[in-house]
Amino acid sequence: MDNSMELEAYKAELAREILMSNSRQLLDKVKMVLHGESSVNINTVKEDCVPYTPRTKSEVLDDLKEACEEARLIREGKAKGISAEDLLNEL
């Protein structure tokens, strides 16, 4: 019983990820794999991913300073923040 609940949760998570995708290429590959039309390797789906490049300490500190300044302006009413819903949609 526990395994079937885990499977259902996994299927729901996968469905959410597919529905959130804006990549036509990724969706076409998923469809091909589901219909058995291709022997697409799972690793080929990640073609569109940008390779990770580490950031320097100064880049991270600059971003933190910018974020703190933006937060200060929002608190003072000099800038407008975004709603929690918009923030979640961006993620």
N, C-alpha and C. Protein backbone atom coordinates (compact mmCIF):
# COMPACT_ATOMS: atom_id res chain seq x y z
N MET A 1 0.83 -1.20 0.00
CA MET A 1 0.00 0.00 0.00
C MET A 1 0.87 1.25 0.00
N ASP A 2 1.92 1.26 0.82
CA ASP A 2 2.79 2.42 0.90
C ASP A 2 3.47 2.70 -0.43
N ASN A 3 3.88 1.63 -1.15
CA ASN A 3 4.54 1.80 -2.44
C ASN A 3 3.60 2.43 -3.46
N SER A 4 2.33 2.07 -3.43
CA SER A 4 1.38 2.65 -4.39
C SER A 4 1.15 4.13 -4.09
N MET A 5 1.17 4.51 -2.81
CA MET A 5 1.02 5.93 -2.47
C MET A 5 2.25 6.71 -2.93
N GLU A 6 3.43 6.12 -2.75
CA GLU A 6 4.65 6.78 -3.20
C GLU A 6 4.65 6.94 -4.71
N LEU A 7 4.19 5.91 -5.41
CA LEU A 7 4.13 5.97 -6.87
C LEU A 7 3.17 7.07 -7.32
N GLU A 8 2.01 7.15 -6.68
CA GLU A 8 1.04 8.19 -7.04
C GLU A 8 1.61 9.59 -6.78
N ALA A 9 2.31 9.75 -5.67
CA ALA A 9 2.93 11.04 -5.36
C ALA A 9 4.01 11.38 -6.39
N TYR A 10 4.77 10.38 -6.78
CA TYR A 10 5.82 10.58 -7.78
C TYR A 10 5.21 10.97 -9.14
N LYS A 11 4.13 10.29 -9.51
CA LYS A 11 3.46 10.60 -10.77
C LYS A 11 2.90 12.02 -10.75
N ALA A 12 2.34 12.43 -9.63
CA ALA A 12 1.80 13.78 -9.51
C ALA A 12 2.91 14.82 -9.61
N GLU A 13 4.04 14.53 -8.97
CA GLU A 13 5.19 15.46 -9.03
C GLU A 13 5.70 15.58 -10.47
N LEU A 14 5.82 14.45 -11.16
CA LEU A 14 6.28 14.46 -12.54
C LEU A 14 5.30 15.21 -13.44
N ALA A 15 4.02 15.00 -13.23
CA ALA A 15 3.01 15.71 -14.02
C ALA A 15 3.12 17.22 -13.81
N ARG A 16 3.33 17.65 -12.56
CA ARG A 16 3.51 19.09 -12.28
C ARG A 16 4.72 19.64 -13.01
N GLU A 17 5.82 18.90 -12.99
CA GLU A 17 7.04 19.37 -13.66
C GLU A 17 6.81 19.49 -15.17
N ILE A 18 6.12 18.52 -15.73
CA ILE A 18 5.84 18.56 -17.17
C ILE A 18 4.93 19.75 -17.50
N LEU A 19 3.91 19.97 -16.67
CA LEU A 19 2.99 21.07 -16.92
C LEU A 19 3.65 22.43 -16.75
N MET A 20 4.68 22.52 -15.93
CA MET A 20 5.37 23.80 -15.70
C MET A 20 6.42 24.09 -16.78
N SER A 21 6.75 23.10 -17.59
CA SER A 21 7.81 23.27 -18.59
C SER A 21 7.35 24.19 -19.72
N ASN A 22 8.25 25.06 -20.14
CA ASN A 22 7.98 25.94 -21.28
C ASN A 22 8.84 25.56 -22.48
N SER A 23 9.47 24.40 -22.42
CA SER A 23 10.35 23.96 -23.49
C SER A 23 9.61 22.99 -24.40
N ARG A 24 9.34 23.43 -25.61
CA ARG A 24 8.65 22.57 -26.57
C ARG A 24 9.50 21.34 -26.89
N GLN A 25 10.81 21.53 -26.98
CA GLN A 25 11.72 20.43 -27.29
C GLN A 25 11.65 19.36 -26.19
N LEU A 26 11.66 19.79 -24.94
CA LEU A 26 11.57 18.84 -23.84
C LEU A 26 10.24 18.09 -23.87
N LEU A 27 9.16 18.82 -24.09
CA LEU A 27 7.84 18.18 -24.12
C LEU A 27 7.72 17.20 -25.28
N ASP A 28 8.30 17.54 -26.43
CA ASP A 28 8.28 16.62 -27.58
C ASP A 28 9.05 15.34 -27.24
N LYS A 29 10.19 15.46 -26.55
CA LYS A 29 10.97 14.28 -26.18
C LYS A 29 10.22 13.41 -25.17
N VAL A 30 9.55 14.05 -24.21
CA VAL A 30 8.76 13.29 -23.24
C VAL A 30 7.66 12.52 -23.95
N LYS A 31 7.00 13.19 -24.88
CA LYS A 31 5.92 12.54 -25.63
C LYS A 31 6.45 11.36 -26.44
N MET A 32 7.60 11.53 -27.08
CA MET A 32 8.18 10.45 -27.87
C MET A 32 8.53 9.25 -26.99
N VAL A 33 9.09 9.51 -25.82
CA VAL A 33 9.46 8.42 -24.91
C VAL A 33 8.20 7.70 -24.42
N LEU A 34 7.17 8.46 -24.08
CA LEU A 34 5.93 7.85 -23.58
C LEU A 34 5.26 6.97 -24.63
N HIS A 35 5.36 7.37 -25.88
CA HIS A 35 4.72 6.62 -26.96
C HIS A 35 5.64 5.59 -27.58
N GLY A 36 6.85 5.47 -27.05
CA GLY A 36 7.78 4.48 -27.55
C GLY A 36 8.26 4.75 -28.95
N GLU A 37 8.18 6.00 -29.40
CA GLU A 37 8.57 6.34 -30.76
C GLU A 37 10.06 6.55 -30.91
N SER A 38 10.76 6.57 -29.80
CA SER A 38 12.19 6.85 -29.87
C SER A 38 12.90 6.14 -28.73
N SER A 39 14.15 5.88 -28.96
CA SER A 39 14.96 5.31 -27.88
C SER A 39 15.79 6.45 -27.29
N VAL A 40 15.11 7.54 -26.95
CA VAL A 40 15.79 8.72 -26.42
C VAL A 40 16.41 8.38 -25.08
N ASN A 41 17.66 8.69 -24.94
CA ASN A 41 18.37 8.49 -23.68
C ASN A 41 17.96 9.62 -22.74
N ILE A 42 17.73 9.33 -21.48
CA ILE A 42 17.31 10.33 -20.51
C ILE A 42 18.28 11.50 -20.48
N ASN A 43 19.56 11.27 -20.67
CA ASN A 43 20.55 12.34 -20.62
C ASN A 43 20.39 13.35 -21.76
N THR A 44 19.77 12.94 -22.86
CA THR A 44 19.61 13.87 -23.98
C THR A 44 18.58 14.93 -23.68
N VAL A 45 17.70 14.69 -22.72
CA VAL A 45 16.70 15.68 -22.35
C VAL A 45 17.38 16.91 -21.74
N LYS A 46 18.55 16.73 -21.16
CA LYS A 46 19.24 17.82 -20.49
C LYS A 46 20.08 18.66 -21.45
N GLU A 47 19.92 18.47 -22.76
CA GLU A 47 20.71 19.22 -23.73
C GLU A 47 20.57 20.72 -23.57
N ASP A 48 19.37 21.19 -23.25
CA ASP A 48 19.09 22.61 -23.18
C ASP A 48 19.63 23.26 -21.92
N CYS A 49 20.10 22.48 -20.97
CA CYS A 49 20.58 23.02 -19.70
C CYS A 49 21.87 23.80 -19.91
N VAL A 50 21.95 24.91 -19.22
CA VAL A 50 23.17 25.72 -19.26
C VAL A 50 24.15 25.13 -18.26
N PRO A 51 25.39 24.89 -18.68
CA PRO A 51 26.35 24.32 -17.74
C PRO A 51 26.61 25.26 -16.57
N TYR A 52 26.83 24.67 -15.42
CA TYR A 52 27.08 25.46 -14.21
C TYR A 52 28.45 26.11 -14.29
N THR A 53 28.49 27.39 -14.01
CA THR A 53 29.77 28.08 -13.91
C THR A 53 29.81 28.74 -12.54
N PRO A 54 30.80 28.41 -11.73
CA PRO A 54 30.87 28.97 -10.38
C PRO A 54 31.05 30.48 -10.43
N ARG A 55 30.43 31.15 -9.48
CA ARG A 55 30.54 32.61 -9.40
C ARG A 55 31.63 32.98 -8.41
N THR A 56 32.20 34.13 -8.65
CA THR A 56 33.26 34.58 -7.75
C THR A 56 32.64 35.15 -6.47
N LYS A 57 33.46 35.26 -5.46
CA LYS A 57 33.00 35.82 -4.18
C LYS A 57 32.51 37.25 -4.37
N SER A 58 33.20 38.03 -5.18
CA SER A 58 32.78 39.42 -5.38
C SER A 58 31.44 39.51 -6.11
N GLU A 59 31.16 38.59 -7.03
CA GLU A 59 29.86 38.57 -7.71
C GLU A 59 28.74 38.28 -6.72
N VAL A 60 28.97 37.31 -5.84
CA VAL A 60 27.96 36.96 -4.84
C VAL A 60 27.73 38.13 -3.89
N LEU A 61 28.80 38.75 -3.44
CA LEU A 61 28.67 39.89 -2.53
C LEU A 61 27.96 41.06 -3.20
N ASP A 62 28.25 41.32 -4.47
CA ASP A 62 27.56 42.39 -5.20
C ASP A 62 26.06 42.11 -5.28
N ASP A 63 25.69 40.86 -5.56
CA ASP A 63 24.27 40.50 -5.63
C ASP A 63 23.59 40.66 -4.27
N LEU A 64 24.30 40.28 -3.20
CA LEU A 64 23.74 40.44 -1.86
C LEU A 64 23.53 41.92 -1.51
N LYS A 65 24.52 42.76 -1.86
CA LYS A 65 24.38 44.20 -1.62
C LYS A 65 23.19 44.75 -2.38
N GLU A 66 23.04 44.33 -3.64
CA GLU A 66 21.91 44.80 -4.46
C GLU A 66 20.58 44.36 -3.85
N ALA A 67 20.50 43.12 -3.38
CA ALA A 67 19.27 42.61 -2.77
C ALA A 67 18.94 43.35 -1.49
N CYS A 68 19.95 43.64 -0.68
CA CYS A 68 19.73 44.39 0.57
C CYS A 68 19.25 45.80 0.27
N GLU A 69 19.84 46.43 -0.73
CA GLU A 69 19.42 47.78 -1.11
C GLU A 69 17.97 47.78 -1.61
N GLU A 70 17.64 46.78 -2.41
CA GLU A 70 16.26 46.68 -2.92
C GLU A 70 15.28 46.45 -1.76
N ALA A 71 15.63 45.61 -0.80
CA ALA A 71 14.78 45.36 0.36
C ALA A 71 14.59 46.64 1.17
N ARG A 72 15.66 47.41 1.34
CA ARG A 72 15.58 48.67 2.08
C ARG A 72 14.62 49.65 1.38
N LEU A 73 14.73 49.76 0.07
CA LEU A 73 13.85 50.66 -0.68
C LEU A 73 12.39 50.23 -0.58
N ILE A 74 12.16 48.93 -0.59
CA ILE A 74 10.78 48.42 -0.46
C ILE A 74 10.23 48.75 0.92
N ARG A 75 11.05 48.52 1.97
CA ARG A 75 10.62 48.84 3.34
C ARG A 75 10.29 50.32 3.49
N GLU A 76 11.06 51.18 2.84
CA GLU A 76 10.85 52.63 2.94
C GLU A 76 9.74 53.12 2.02
N GLY A 77 9.18 52.22 1.22
CA GLY A 77 8.09 52.61 0.33
C GLY A 77 8.55 53.30 -0.94
N LYS A 78 9.83 53.28 -1.22
CA LYS A 78 10.38 53.92 -2.41
C LYS A 78 10.41 52.99 -3.62
N ALA A 79 10.13 51.72 -3.37
CA ALA A 79 10.07 50.73 -4.45
C ALA A 79 8.96 49.75 -4.10
N LYS A 80 8.46 49.06 -5.11
CA LYS A 80 7.37 48.12 -4.89
C LYS A 80 7.90 46.69 -5.06
N GLY A 81 7.57 45.84 -4.11
CA GLY A 81 7.97 44.44 -4.17
C GLY A 81 6.99 43.65 -5.02
N ILE A 82 7.24 42.36 -5.14
CA ILE A 82 6.32 41.49 -5.88
C ILE A 82 5.55 40.64 -4.88
N SER A 83 4.39 40.17 -5.31
CA SER A 83 3.56 39.36 -4.41
C SER A 83 4.17 37.96 -4.25
N ALA A 84 3.78 37.30 -3.20
CA ALA A 84 4.27 35.93 -2.94
C ALA A 84 3.88 35.01 -4.09
N GLU A 85 2.68 35.22 -4.63
CA GLU A 85 2.21 34.38 -5.74
C GLU A 85 3.13 34.56 -6.96
N ASP A 86 3.48 35.81 -7.28
CA ASP A 86 4.37 36.06 -8.41
C ASP A 86 5.75 35.46 -8.16
N LEU A 87 6.21 35.55 -6.92
CA LEU A 87 7.51 34.96 -6.58
C LEU A 87 7.49 33.46 -6.80
N LEU A 88 6.44 32.79 -6.33
CA LEU A 88 6.33 31.34 -6.51
C LEU A 88 6.22 30.97 -7.99
N ASN A 89 5.53 31.78 -8.77
CA ASN A 89 5.41 31.50 -10.20
C ASN A 89 6.75 31.64 -10.91
N GLU A 90 7.60 32.51 -10.44
CA GLU A 90 8.93 32.67 -11.02
C GLU A 90 9.81 31.45 -10.76
N LEU A 91 9.58 30.81 -9.62
CA LEU A 91 10.38 29.63 -9.28
C LEU A 91 9.98 28.48 -10.18
